[in-house]
């Protein structure tokens, strides 16, 4: 799992998603719900590339993701990106290994 910190990296992930599915997690470092989502995501075994950003240390990037995907910001928030757009997303307690697995089966 790789941490991203720049809008340039975000644009690279969007480009990457045009060739293969990609996960991106928006994580809050001060929220216990986000910590649980982070652990579920981190522990999910997949060949799909996994990225994350920390909302508190990179609000402009977090805002750019929300704007670029056209999906209202929440934290934690997990996206499965494909062909440059979010084909699936979940937030808060909906970020679980079983739901991530279902997303991979449906869209990955």
PDB file of N, CA and C in Angstrom:
ATOM      1  N   UNK A   1       0.858  -1.166   0.000  1.00  0.00           N
ATOM      2  CA  UNK A   1       0.000   0.000   0.000  1.00  0.00           C
ATOM      3  C   UNK A   1       0.904   1.228   0.000  1.00  0.00           C
ATOM      4  N   UNK A   2       0.631   2.133  -0.907  1.00  0.00           N
ATOM      5  CA  UNK A   2       1.494   3.301  -1.066  1.00  0.00           C
ATOM      6  C   UNK A   2       0.747   4.581  -0.711  1.00  0.00           C
ATOM      7  N   UNK A   3       1.394   5.414   0.070  1.00  0.00           N
ATOM      8  CA  UNK A   3       0.836   6.714   0.436  1.00  0.00           C
ATOM      9  C   UNK A   3       1.081   7.698  -0.701  1.00  0.00           C
ATOM     10  N   UNK A   4       0.045   8.439  -1.064  1.00  0.00           N
ATOM     11  CA  UNK A   4       0.222   9.497  -2.058  1.00  0.00           C
ATOM     12  C   UNK A   4       0.082  10.845  -1.362  1.00  0.00           C
ATOM     13  N   UNK A   5       0.792  11.838  -1.913  1.00  0.00           N
ATOM     14  CA  UNK A   5       0.811  13.138  -1.257  1.00  0.00           C
ATOM     15  C   UNK A   5       0.694  14.306  -2.221  1.00  0.00           C
ATOM     16  N   UNK A   6       0.515  14.023  -3.497  1.00  0.00           N
ATOM     17  CA  UNK A   6       0.458  15.138  -4.444  1.00  0.00           C
ATOM     18  C   UNK A   6      -0.638  14.930  -5.482  1.00  0.00           C
ATOM     19  N   UNK A   7      -1.072  16.025  -6.034  1.00  0.00           N
ATOM     20  CA  UNK A   7      -2.073  15.972  -7.101  1.00  0.00           C
ATOM     21  C   UNK A   7      -1.480  15.297  -8.333  1.00  0.00           C
ATOM     22  N   UNK A   8      -0.190  15.458  -8.547  1.00  0.00           N
ATOM     23  CA  UNK A   8       0.477  14.776  -9.664  1.00  0.00           C
ATOM     24  C   UNK A   8       0.372  13.257  -9.496  1.00  0.00           C
ATOM     25  N   UNK A   9       0.594  12.772  -8.275  1.00  0.00           N
ATOM     26  CA  UNK A   9       0.452  11.329  -8.020  1.00  0.00           C
ATOM     27  C   UNK A   9      -0.996  10.891  -8.252  1.00  0.00           C
ATOM     28  N   UNK A  10      -1.946  11.707  -7.823  1.00  0.00           N
ATOM     29  CA  UNK A  10      -3.365  11.404  -8.037  1.00  0.00           C
ATOM     30  C   UNK A  10      -3.657  11.276  -9.525  1.00  0.00           C
ATOM     31  N   UNK A  11      -3.162  12.200 -10.323  1.00  0.00           N
ATOM     32  CA  UNK A  11      -3.391  12.132 -11.770  1.00  0.00           C
ATOM     33  C   UNK A  11      -2.749  10.879 -12.370  1.00  0.00           C
ATOM     34  N   UNK A  12      -1.615  10.478 -11.845  1.00  0.00           N
ATOM     35  CA  UNK A  12      -0.970   9.239 -12.305  1.00  0.00           C
ATOM     36  C   UNK A  12      -1.824   8.016 -11.974  1.00  0.00           C
ATOM     37  N   UNK A  13      -2.466   8.043 -10.811  1.00  0.00           N
ATOM     38  CA  UNK A  13      -3.344   6.935 -10.422  1.00  0.00           C
ATOM     39  C   UNK A  13      -4.554   6.868 -11.351  1.00  0.00           C
ATOM     40  N   UNK A  14      -5.111   8.017 -11.671  1.00  0.00           N
ATOM     41  CA  UNK A  14      -6.229   8.051 -12.627  1.00  0.00           C
ATOM     42  C   UNK A  14      -5.785   7.452 -13.960  1.00  0.00           C
ATOM     43  N   UNK A  15      -4.606   7.844 -14.432  1.00  0.00           N
ATOM     44  CA  UNK A  15      -4.078   7.281 -15.681  1.00  0.00           C
ATOM     45  C   UNK A  15      -3.861   5.776 -15.549  1.00  0.00           C
ATOM     46  N   UNK A  16      -3.316   5.345 -14.429  1.00  0.00           N
ATOM     47  CA  UNK A  16      -3.081   3.921 -14.191  1.00  0.00           C
ATOM     48  C   UNK A  16      -4.395   3.145 -14.239  1.00  0.00           C
ATOM     49  N   UNK A  17      -5.463   3.752 -13.709  1.00  0.00           N
ATOM     50  CA  UNK A  17      -6.760   3.063 -13.662  1.00  0.00           C
ATOM     51  C   UNK A  17      -7.347   2.837 -15.049  1.00  0.00           C
ATOM     52  N   UNK A  18      -6.801   3.494 -16.037  1.00  0.00           N
ATOM     53  CA  UNK A  18      -7.265   3.276 -17.411  1.00  0.00           C
ATOM     54  C   UNK A  18      -6.709   1.976 -17.983  1.00  0.00           C
ATOM     55  N   UNK A  19      -5.694   1.426 -17.306  1.00  0.00           N
ATOM     56  CA  UNK A  19      -5.081   0.166 -17.737  1.00  0.00           C
ATOM     57  C   UNK A  19      -5.367  -1.000 -16.801  1.00  0.00           C
ATOM     58  N   UNK A  20      -5.662  -0.680 -15.539  1.00  0.00           N
ATOM     59  CA  UNK A  20      -5.936  -1.710 -14.540  1.00  0.00           C
ATOM     60  C   UNK A  20      -6.727  -1.083 -13.395  1.00  0.00           C
ATOM     61  N   UNK A  21      -7.519  -1.884 -12.675  1.00  0.00           N
ATOM     62  CA  UNK A  21      -8.227  -1.340 -11.514  1.00  0.00           C
ATOM     63  C   UNK A  21      -7.230  -0.901 -10.440  1.00  0.00           C
ATOM     64  N   UNK A  22      -7.617   0.096  -9.664  1.00  0.00           N
ATOM     65  CA  UNK A  22      -6.765   0.657  -8.615  1.00  0.00           C
ATOM     66  C   UNK A  22      -7.650   1.030  -7.426  1.00  0.00           C
ATOM     67  N   UNK A  23      -7.164   0.783  -6.218  1.00  0.00           N
ATOM     68  CA  UNK A  23      -7.850   1.221  -5.009  1.00  0.00           C
ATOM     69  C   UNK A  23      -7.222   2.506  -4.481  1.00  0.00           C
ATOM     70  N   UNK A  24      -8.063   3.378  -3.919  1.00  0.00           N
ATOM     71  CA  UNK A  24      -7.584   4.562  -3.205  1.00  0.00           C
ATOM     72  C   UNK A  24      -8.423   4.745  -1.948  1.00  0.00           C
ATOM     73  N   UNK A  25      -7.745   4.890  -0.819  1.00  0.00           N
ATOM     74  CA  UNK A  25      -8.397   5.133   0.466  1.00  0.00           C
ATOM     75  C   UNK A  25      -8.091   6.547   0.928  1.00  0.00           C
ATOM     76  N   UNK A  26      -9.136   7.285   1.291  1.00  0.00           N
ATOM     77  CA  UNK A  26      -8.974   8.569   1.972  1.00  0.00           C
ATOM     78  C   UNK A  26      -9.104   8.269   3.461  1.00  0.00           C
ATOM     79  N   UNK A  27      -8.026   8.503   4.193  1.00  0.00           N
ATOM     80  CA  UNK A  27      -7.916   8.077   5.592  1.00  0.00           C
ATOM     81  C   UNK A  27      -7.766   9.278   6.520  1.00  0.00           C
ATOM     82  N   UNK A  28      -8.492   9.234   7.631  1.00  0.00           N
ATOM     83  CA  UNK A  28      -8.344  10.241   8.682  1.00  0.00           C
ATOM     84  C   UNK A  28      -7.488   9.647   9.794  1.00  0.00           C
ATOM     85  N   UNK A  29      -6.392  10.301  10.091  1.00  0.00           N
ATOM     86  CA  UNK A  29      -5.465   9.778  11.101  1.00  0.00           C
ATOM     87  C   UNK A  29      -5.959   9.987  12.532  1.00  0.00           C
ATOM     88  N   UNK A  30      -7.081  10.674  12.706  1.00  0.00           N
ATOM     89  CA  UNK A  30      -7.583  10.954  14.056  1.00  0.00           C
ATOM     90  C   UNK A  30      -8.925  10.293  14.348  1.00  0.00           C
ATOM     91  N   UNK A  31      -9.368   9.406  13.482  1.00  0.00           N
ATOM     92  CA  UNK A  31     -10.707   8.826  13.610  1.00  0.00           C
ATOM     93  C   UNK A  31     -10.618   7.313  13.800  1.00  0.00           C
ATOM     94  N   UNK A  32     -11.269   6.809  14.829  1.00  0.00           N
ATOM     95  CA  UNK A  32     -11.226   5.364  15.091  1.00  0.00           C
ATOM     96  C   UNK A  32     -11.951   4.570  14.005  1.00  0.00           C
ATOM     97  N   UNK A  33     -13.001   5.135  13.431  1.00  0.00           N
ATOM     98  CA  UNK A  33     -13.701   4.452  12.335  1.00  0.00           C
ATOM     99  C   UNK A  33     -12.761   4.333  11.134  1.00  0.00           C
ATOM    100  N   UNK A  34     -12.024   5.404  10.871  1.00  0.00           N
ATOM    101  CA  UNK A  34     -11.070   5.380   9.768  1.00  0.00           C
ATOM    102  C   UNK A  34      -9.951   4.375  10.039  1.00  0.00           C
ATOM    103  N   UNK A  35      -9.518   4.286  11.278  1.00  0.00           N
ATOM    104  CA  UNK A  35      -8.478   3.311  11.629  1.00  0.00           C
ATOM    105  C   UNK A  35      -8.952   1.888  11.339  1.00  0.00           C
ATOM    106  N   UNK A  36     -10.206   1.603  11.644  1.00  0.00           N
ATOM    107  CA  UNK A  36     -10.758   0.271  11.362  1.00  0.00           C
ATOM    108  C   UNK A  36     -10.828   0.028   9.855  1.00  0.00           C
ATOM    109  N   UNK A  37     -11.253   1.029   9.100  1.00  0.00           N
ATOM    110  CA  UNK A  37     -11.301   0.904   7.645  1.00  0.00           C
ATOM    111  C   UNK A  37      -9.915   0.726   7.047  1.00  0.00           C
ATOM    112  N   UNK A  38      -8.958   1.457   7.585  1.00  0.00           N
ATOM    113  CA  UNK A  38      -7.569   1.345   7.129  1.00  0.00           C
ATOM    114  C   UNK A  38      -7.055  -0.079   7.343  1.00  0.00           C
ATOM    115  N   UNK A  39      -7.306  -0.620   8.532  1.00  0.00           N
ATOM    116  CA  UNK A  39      -6.848  -1.986   8.829  1.00  0.00           C
ATOM    117  C   UNK A  39      -7.509  -3.011   7.906  1.00  0.00           C
ATOM    118  N   UNK A  40      -8.802  -2.842   7.651  1.00  0.00           N
ATOM    119  CA  UNK A  40      -9.501  -3.771   6.750  1.00  0.00           C
ATOM    120  C   UNK A  40      -8.908  -3.699   5.349  1.00  0.00           C
ATOM    121  N   UNK A  41      -8.666  -2.486   4.887  1.00  0.00           N
ATOM    122  CA  UNK A  41      -8.105  -2.285   3.552  1.00  0.00           C
ATOM    123  C   UNK A  41      -6.669  -2.799   3.481  1.00  0.00           C
ATOM    124  N   UNK A  42      -5.873  -2.450   4.460  1.00  0.00           N
ATOM    125  CA  UNK A  42      -4.474  -2.874   4.483  1.00  0.00           C
ATOM    126  C   UNK A  42      -4.364  -4.397   4.509  1.00  0.00           C
ATOM    127  N   UNK A  43      -5.258  -5.047   5.242  1.00  0.00           N
ATOM    128  CA  UNK A  43      -5.215  -6.498   5.372  1.00  0.00           C
ATOM    129  C   UNK A  43      -5.844  -7.259   4.225  1.00  0.00           C
ATOM    130  N   UNK A  44      -6.494  -6.549   3.310  1.00  0.00           N
ATOM    131  CA  UNK A  44      -7.146  -7.220   2.186  1.00  0.00           C
ATOM    132  C   UNK A  44      -6.093  -7.624   1.159  1.00  0.00           C
ATOM    133  N   UNK A  45      -6.021  -8.911   0.881  1.00  0.00           N
ATOM    134  CA  UNK A  45      -5.021  -9.443  -0.045  1.00  0.00           C
ATOM    135  C   UNK A  45      -5.548  -9.376  -1.475  1.00  0.00           C
ATOM    136  N   UNK A  46      -4.843  -8.617  -2.305  1.00  0.00           N
ATOM    137  CA  UNK A  46      -5.244  -8.460  -3.696  1.00  0.00           C
ATOM    138  C   UNK A  46      -4.042  -8.066  -4.540  1.00  0.00           C
ATOM    139  N   UNK A  47      -4.133  -8.351  -5.820  1.00  0.00           N
ATOM    140  CA  UNK A  47      -3.108  -7.893  -6.758  1.00  0.00           C
ATOM    141  C   UNK A  47      -3.407  -6.487  -7.261  1.00  0.00           C
ATOM    142  N   UNK A  48      -4.589  -5.979  -6.949  1.00  0.00           N
ATOM    143  CA  UNK A  48      -4.955  -4.625  -7.374  1.00  0.00           C
ATOM    144  C   UNK A  48      -4.107  -3.630  -6.580  1.00  0.00           C
ATOM    145  N   UNK A  49      -3.452  -2.695  -7.260  1.00  0.00           N
ATOM    146  CA  UNK A  49      -2.640  -1.703  -6.545  1.00  0.00           C
ATOM    147  C   UNK A  49      -3.483  -0.922  -5.534  1.00  0.00           C
ATOM    148  N   UNK A  50      -2.885  -0.680  -4.363  1.00  0.00           N
ATOM    149  CA  UNK A  50      -3.577   0.005  -3.272  1.00  0.00           C
ATOM    150  C   UNK A  50      -2.813   1.269  -2.899  1.00  0.00           C
ATOM    151  N   UNK A  51      -3.544   2.374  -2.854  1.00  0.00           N
ATOM    152  CA  UNK A  51      -2.986   3.667  -2.482  1.00  0.00           C
ATOM    153  C   UNK A  51      -3.843   4.268  -1.374  1.00  0.00           C
ATOM    154  N   UNK A  52      -3.251   5.195  -0.630  1.00  0.00           N
ATOM    155  CA  UNK A  52      -4.026   5.922   0.370  1.00  0.00           C
ATOM    156  C   UNK A  52      -3.470   7.326   0.528  1.00  0.00           C
ATOM    157  N   UNK A  53      -4.312   8.194   1.057  1.00  0.00           N
ATOM    158  CA  UNK A  53      -3.885   9.542   1.414  1.00  0.00           C
ATOM    159  C   UNK A  53      -4.438   9.853   2.795  1.00  0.00           C
ATOM    160  N   UNK A  54      -3.709  10.674   3.533  1.00  0.00           N
ATOM    161  CA  UNK A  54      -4.137  11.101   4.860  1.00  0.00           C
ATOM    162  C   UNK A  54      -4.777  12.479   4.711  1.00  0.00           C
ATOM    163  N   UNK A  55      -6.044  12.545   5.038  1.00  0.00           N
ATOM    164  CA  UNK A  55      -6.825  13.759   4.815  1.00  0.00           C
ATOM    165  C   UNK A  55      -6.237  14.958   5.566  1.00  0.00           C
ATOM    166  N   UNK A  56      -5.868  14.776   6.830  1.00  0.00           N
ATOM    167  CA  UNK A  56      -5.405  15.904   7.636  1.00  0.00           C
ATOM    168  C   UNK A  56      -4.140  16.559   7.085  1.00  0.00           C
ATOM    169  N   UNK A  57      -3.280  15.781   6.486  1.00  0.00           N
ATOM    170  CA  UNK A  57      -2.016  16.339   6.007  1.00  0.00           C
ATOM    171  C   UNK A  57      -2.075  16.737   4.540  1.00  0.00           C
ATOM    172  N   UNK A  58      -3.210  16.475   3.895  1.00  0.00           N
ATOM    173  CA  UNK A  58      -3.287  16.821   2.482  1.00  0.00           C
ATOM    174  C   UNK A  58      -4.716  17.121   2.046  1.00  0.00           C
ATOM    175  N   UNK A  59      -5.278  18.146   2.641  1.00  0.00           N
ATOM    176  CA  UNK A  59      -6.653  18.530   2.295  1.00  0.00           C
ATOM    177  C   UNK A  59      -6.820  18.925   0.829  1.00  0.00           C
ATOM    178  N   UNK A  60      -5.866  19.665   0.233  1.00  0.00           N
ATOM    179  CA  UNK A  60      -6.049  19.994  -1.192  1.00  0.00           C
ATOM    180  C   UNK A  60      -6.144  18.742  -2.072  1.00  0.00           C
ATOM    181  N   UNK A  61      -5.340  17.737  -1.773  1.00  0.00           N
ATOM    182  CA  UNK A  61      -5.393  16.490  -2.532  1.00  0.00           C
ATOM    183  C   UNK A  61      -6.725  15.786  -2.302  1.00  0.00           C
ATOM    184  N   UNK A  62      -7.165  15.730  -1.061  1.00  0.00           N
ATOM    185  CA  UNK A  62      -8.446  15.113  -0.743  1.00  0.00           C
ATOM    186  C   UNK A  62      -9.586  15.806  -1.488  1.00  0.00           C
ATOM    187  N   UNK A  63      -9.545  17.119  -1.527  1.00  0.00           N
ATOM    188  CA  UNK A  63     -10.571  17.889  -2.246  1.00  0.00           C
ATOM    189  C   UNK A  63     -10.508  17.624  -3.747  1.00  0.00           C
ATOM    190  N   UNK A  64      -9.303  17.505  -4.274  1.00  0.00           N
ATOM    191  CA  UNK A  64      -9.125  17.223  -5.702  1.00  0.00           C
ATOM    192  C   UNK A  64      -9.705  15.855  -6.063  1.00  0.00           C
ATOM    193  N   UNK A  65      -9.513  14.876  -5.195  1.00  0.00           N
ATOM    194  CA  UNK A  65     -10.080  13.542  -5.427  1.00  0.00           C
ATOM    195  C   UNK A  65     -11.604  13.627  -5.456  1.00  0.00           C
ATOM    196  N   UNK A  66     -12.180  14.288  -4.463  1.00  0.00           N
ATOM    197  CA  UNK A  66     -13.641  14.422  -4.410  1.00  0.00           C
ATOM    198  C   UNK A  66     -14.165  15.124  -5.659  1.00  0.00           C
ATOM    199  N   UNK A  67     -13.519  16.202  -6.026  1.00  0.00           N
ATOM    200  CA  UNK A  67     -13.937  16.968  -7.198  1.00  0.00           C
ATOM    201  C   UNK A  67     -13.767  16.158  -8.482  1.00  0.00           C
ATOM    202  N   UNK A  68     -12.620  15.524  -8.617  1.00  0.00           N
ATOM    203  CA  UNK A  68     -12.333  14.766  -9.832  1.00  0.00           C
ATOM    204  C   UNK A  68     -13.257  13.581 -10.039  1.00  0.00           C
ATOM    205  N   UNK A  69     -13.664  12.955  -8.940  1.00  0.00           N
ATOM    206  CA  UNK A  69     -14.551  11.796  -9.048  1.00  0.00           C
ATOM    207  C   UNK A  69     -16.022  12.187  -8.997  1.00  0.00           C
ATOM    208  N   UNK A  70     -16.288  13.419  -8.573  1.00  0.00           N
ATOM    209  CA  UNK A  70     -17.672  13.860  -8.461  1.00  0.00           C
ATOM    210  C   UNK A  70     -18.420  13.165  -7.335  1.00  0.00           C
ATOM    211  N   UNK A  71     -17.686  12.788  -6.293  1.00  0.00           N
ATOM    212  CA  UNK A  71     -18.277  12.091  -5.150  1.00  0.00           C
ATOM    213  C   UNK A  71     -17.965  12.897  -3.892  1.00  0.00           C
ATOM    214  N   UNK A  72     -19.005  13.214  -3.139  1.00  0.00           N
ATOM    215  CA  UNK A  72     -18.866  14.018  -1.926  1.00  0.00           C
ATOM    216  C   UNK A  72     -17.838  13.400  -0.980  1.00  0.00           C
ATOM    217  N   UNK A  73     -17.016  14.254  -0.393  1.00  0.00           N
ATOM    218  CA  UNK A  73     -15.977  13.811   0.535  1.00  0.00           C
ATOM    219  C   UNK A  73     -16.574  13.170   1.780  1.00  0.00           C
ATOM    220  N   UNK A  74     -16.003  12.040   2.152  1.00  0.00           N
ATOM    221  CA  UNK A  74     -16.243  11.414   3.443  1.00  0.00           C
ATOM    222  C   UNK A  74     -14.910  10.844   3.889  1.00  0.00           C
ATOM    223  N   UNK A  75     -14.811  10.541   5.148  1.00  0.00           N
ATOM    224  CA  UNK A  75     -13.575   9.956   5.650  1.00  0.00           C
ATOM    225  C   UNK A  75     -13.912   9.042   6.821  1.00  0.00           C
ATOM    226  N   UNK A  76     -13.499   7.801   6.721  1.00  0.00           N
ATOM    227  CA  UNK A  76     -12.739   7.183   5.643  1.00  0.00           C
ATOM    228  C   UNK A  76     -13.615   6.947   4.415  1.00  0.00           C
ATOM    229  N   UNK A  77     -12.943   6.835   3.286  1.00  0.00           N
ATOM    230  CA  UNK A  77     -13.646   6.611   2.025  1.00  0.00           C
ATOM    231  C   UNK A  77     -12.728   5.798   1.113  1.00  0.00           C
ATOM    232  N   UNK A  78     -13.254   4.708   0.602  1.00  0.00           N
ATOM    233  CA  UNK A  78     -12.476   3.818  -0.258  1.00  0.00           C
ATOM    234  C   UNK A  78     -13.098   3.781  -1.640  1.00  0.00           C
ATOM    235  N   UNK A  79     -12.244   3.920  -2.645  1.00  0.00           N
ATOM    236  CA  UNK A  79     -12.685   3.902  -4.047  1.00  0.00           C
ATOM    237  C   UNK A  79     -12.009   2.761  -4.785  1.00  0.00           C
ATOM    238  N   UNK A  80     -12.749   2.132  -5.679  1.00  0.00           N
ATOM    239  CA  UNK A  80     -12.172   1.244  -6.679  1.00  0.00           C
ATOM    240  C   UNK A  80     -12.294   1.995  -7.997  1.00  0.00           C
ATOM    241  N   UNK A  81     -11.155   2.299  -8.577  1.00  0.00           N
ATOM    242  CA  UNK A  81     -11.106   3.102  -9.797  1.00  0.00           C
ATOM    243  C   UNK A  81     -10.836   2.212 -10.999  1.00  0.00           C
ATOM    244  N   UNK A  82     -11.537   2.523 -12.071  1.00  0.00           N
ATOM    245  CA  UNK A  82     -11.360   1.790 -13.321  1.00  0.00           C
ATOM    246  C   UNK A  82     -11.716   2.734 -14.456  1.00  0.00           C
ATOM    247  N   UNK A  83     -10.901   2.749 -15.484  1.00  0.00           N
ATOM    248  CA  UNK A  83     -11.146   3.608 -16.647  1.00  0.00           C
ATOM    249  C   UNK A  83     -11.283   5.082 -16.256  1.00  0.00           C
ATOM    250  N   UNK A  84     -10.515   5.495 -15.250  1.00  0.00           N
ATOM    251  CA  UNK A  84     -10.484   6.897 -14.869  1.00  0.00           C
ATOM    252  C   UNK A  84     -11.613   7.366 -13.977  1.00  0.00           C
ATOM    253  N   UNK A  85     -12.441   6.441 -13.508  1.00  0.00           N
ATOM    254  CA  UNK A  85     -13.553   6.854 -12.642  1.00  0.00           C
ATOM    255  C   UNK A  85     -13.782   5.821 -11.541  1.00  0.00           C
ATOM    256  N   UNK A  86     -14.538   6.229 -10.542  1.00  0.00           N
ATOM    257  CA  UNK A  86     -14.872   5.323  -9.444  1.00  0.00           C
ATOM    258  C   UNK A  86     -16.011   4.410  -9.889  1.00  0.00           C
ATOM    259  N   UNK A  87     -15.754   3.115  -9.888  1.00  0.00           N
ATOM    260  CA  UNK A  87     -16.804   2.152 -10.223  1.00  0.00           C
ATOM    261  C   UNK A  87     -17.464   1.613  -8.956  1.00  0.00           C
ATOM    262  N   UNK A  88     -16.835   1.883  -7.813  1.00  0.00           N
ATOM    263  CA  UNK A  88     -17.362   1.466  -6.512  1.00  0.00           C
ATOM    264  C   UNK A  88     -16.731   2.350  -5.454  1.00  0.00           C
ATOM    265  N   UNK A  89     -17.491   2.657  -4.420  1.00  0.00           N
ATOM    266  CA  UNK A  89     -16.915   3.351  -3.271  1.00  0.00           C
ATOM    267  C   UNK A  89     -17.706   3.018  -2.022  1.00  0.00           C
ATOM    268  N   UNK A  90     -17.028   3.133  -0.897  1.00  0.00           N
ATOM    269  CA  UNK A  90     -17.644   2.860   0.403  1.00  0.00           C
ATOM    270  C   UNK A  90     -17.044   3.821   1.413  1.00  0.00           C
ATOM    271  N   UNK A  91     -17.780   4.038   2.489  1.00  0.00           N
ATOM    272  CA  UNK A  91     -17.254   4.900   3.541  1.00  0.00           C
ATOM    273  C   UNK A  91     -17.624   4.336   4.910  1.00  0.00           C
ATOM    274  N   UNK A  92     -16.937   4.831   5.896  1.00  0.00           N
ATOM    275  CA  UNK A  92     -17.163   4.499   7.294  1.00  0.00           C
ATOM    276  C   UNK A  92     -17.201   2.983   7.519  1.00  0.00           C
ATOM    277  N   UNK A  93     -18.238   2.496   8.180  1.00  0.00           N
ATOM    278  CA  UNK A  93     -18.297   1.072   8.520  1.00  0.00           C
ATOM    279  C   UNK A  93     -18.549   0.173   7.312  1.00  0.00           C
ATOM    280  N   UNK A  94     -18.814   0.750   6.166  1.00  0.00           N
ATOM    281  CA  UNK A  94     -18.990  -0.054   4.949  1.00  0.00           C
ATOM    282  C   UNK A  94     -17.653  -0.500   4.370  1.00  0.00           C
ATOM    283  N   UNK A  95     -16.556  -0.024   4.939  1.00  0.00           N
ATOM    284  CA  UNK A  95     -15.236  -0.469   4.482  1.00  0.00           C
ATOM    285  C   UNK A  95     -14.870  -1.704   5.298  1.00  0.00           C
ATOM    286  N   UNK A  96     -15.127  -2.854   4.713  1.00  0.00           N
ATOM    287  CA  UNK A  96     -14.823  -4.130   5.364  1.00  0.00           C
ATOM    288  C   UNK A  96     -14.233  -5.064   4.312  1.00  0.00           C
ATOM    289  N   UNK A  97     -13.531  -6.078   4.774  1.00  0.00           N
ATOM    290  CA  UNK A  97     -12.919  -6.993   3.815  1.00  0.00           C
ATOM    291  C   UNK A  97     -13.969  -7.702   2.967  1.00  0.00           C
ATOM    292  N   UNK A  98     -15.113  -8.026   3.545  1.00  0.00           N
ATOM    293  CA  UNK A  98     -16.145  -8.713   2.757  1.00  0.00           C
ATOM    294  C   UNK A  98     -16.707  -7.797   1.666  1.00  0.00           C
ATOM    295  N   UNK A  99     -16.879  -6.526   1.975  1.00  0.00           N
ATOM    296  CA  UNK A  99     -17.406  -5.601   0.961  1.00  0.00           C
ATOM    297  C   UNK A  99     -16.348  -5.276  -0.089  1.00  0.00           C
ATOM    298  N   UNK A 100     -15.097  -5.191   0.329  1.00  0.00           N
ATOM    299  CA  UNK A 100     -14.022  -4.974  -0.645  1.00  0.00           C
ATOM    300  C   UNK A 100     -13.946  -6.176  -1.586  1.00  0.00           C
ATOM    301  N   UNK A 101     -14.051  -7.371  -1.025  1.00  0.00           N
ATOM    302  CA  UNK A 101     -14.022  -8.589  -1.841  1.00  0.00           C
ATOM    303  C   UNK A 101     -15.169  -8.589  -2.849  1.00  0.00           C
ATOM    304  N   UNK A 102     -16.352  -8.208  -2.413  1.00  0.00           N
ATOM    305  CA  UNK A 102     -17.505  -8.145  -3.321  1.00  0.00           C
ATOM    306  C   UNK A 102     -17.266  -7.139  -4.446  1.00  0.00           C
ATOM    307  N   UNK A 103     -16.642  -6.016  -4.111  1.00  0.00           N
ATOM    308  CA  UNK A 103     -16.339  -5.004  -5.132  1.00  0.00           C
ATOM    309  C   UNK A 103     -15.351  -5.547  -6.156  1.00  0.00           C
ATOM    310  N   UNK A 104     -14.338  -6.250  -5.678  1.00  0.00           N
ATOM    311  CA  UNK A 104     -13.348  -6.835  -6.595  1.00  0.00           C
ATOM    312  C   UNK A 104     -14.021  -7.862  -7.501  1.00  0.00           C
ATOM    313  N   UNK A 105     -14.886  -8.682  -6.932  1.00  0.00           N
ATOM    314  CA  UNK A 105     -15.583  -9.693  -7.738  1.00  0.00           C
ATOM    315  C   UNK A 105     -16.489  -9.040  -8.780  1.00  0.00           C
ATOM    316  N   UNK A 106     -17.103  -7.933  -8.429  1.00  0.00           N
ATOM    317  CA  UNK A 106     -18.032  -7.269  -9.348  1.00  0.00           C
ATOM    318  C   UNK A 106     -17.329  -6.396 -10.383  1.00  0.00           C
ATOM    319  N   UNK A 107     -16.257  -5.716  -9.961  1.00  0.00           N
ATOM    320  CA  UNK A 107     -15.668  -4.689 -10.832  1.00  0.00           C
ATOM    321  C   UNK A 107     -14.188  -4.880 -11.139  1.00  0.00           C
ATOM    322  N   UNK A 108     -13.495  -5.694 -10.348  1.00  0.00           N
ATOM    323  CA  UNK A 108     -12.049  -5.827 -10.511  1.00  0.00           C
ATOM    324  C   UNK A 108     -11.698  -6.720 -11.635  1.00  0.00           C
TER     325      UNK A 108
END
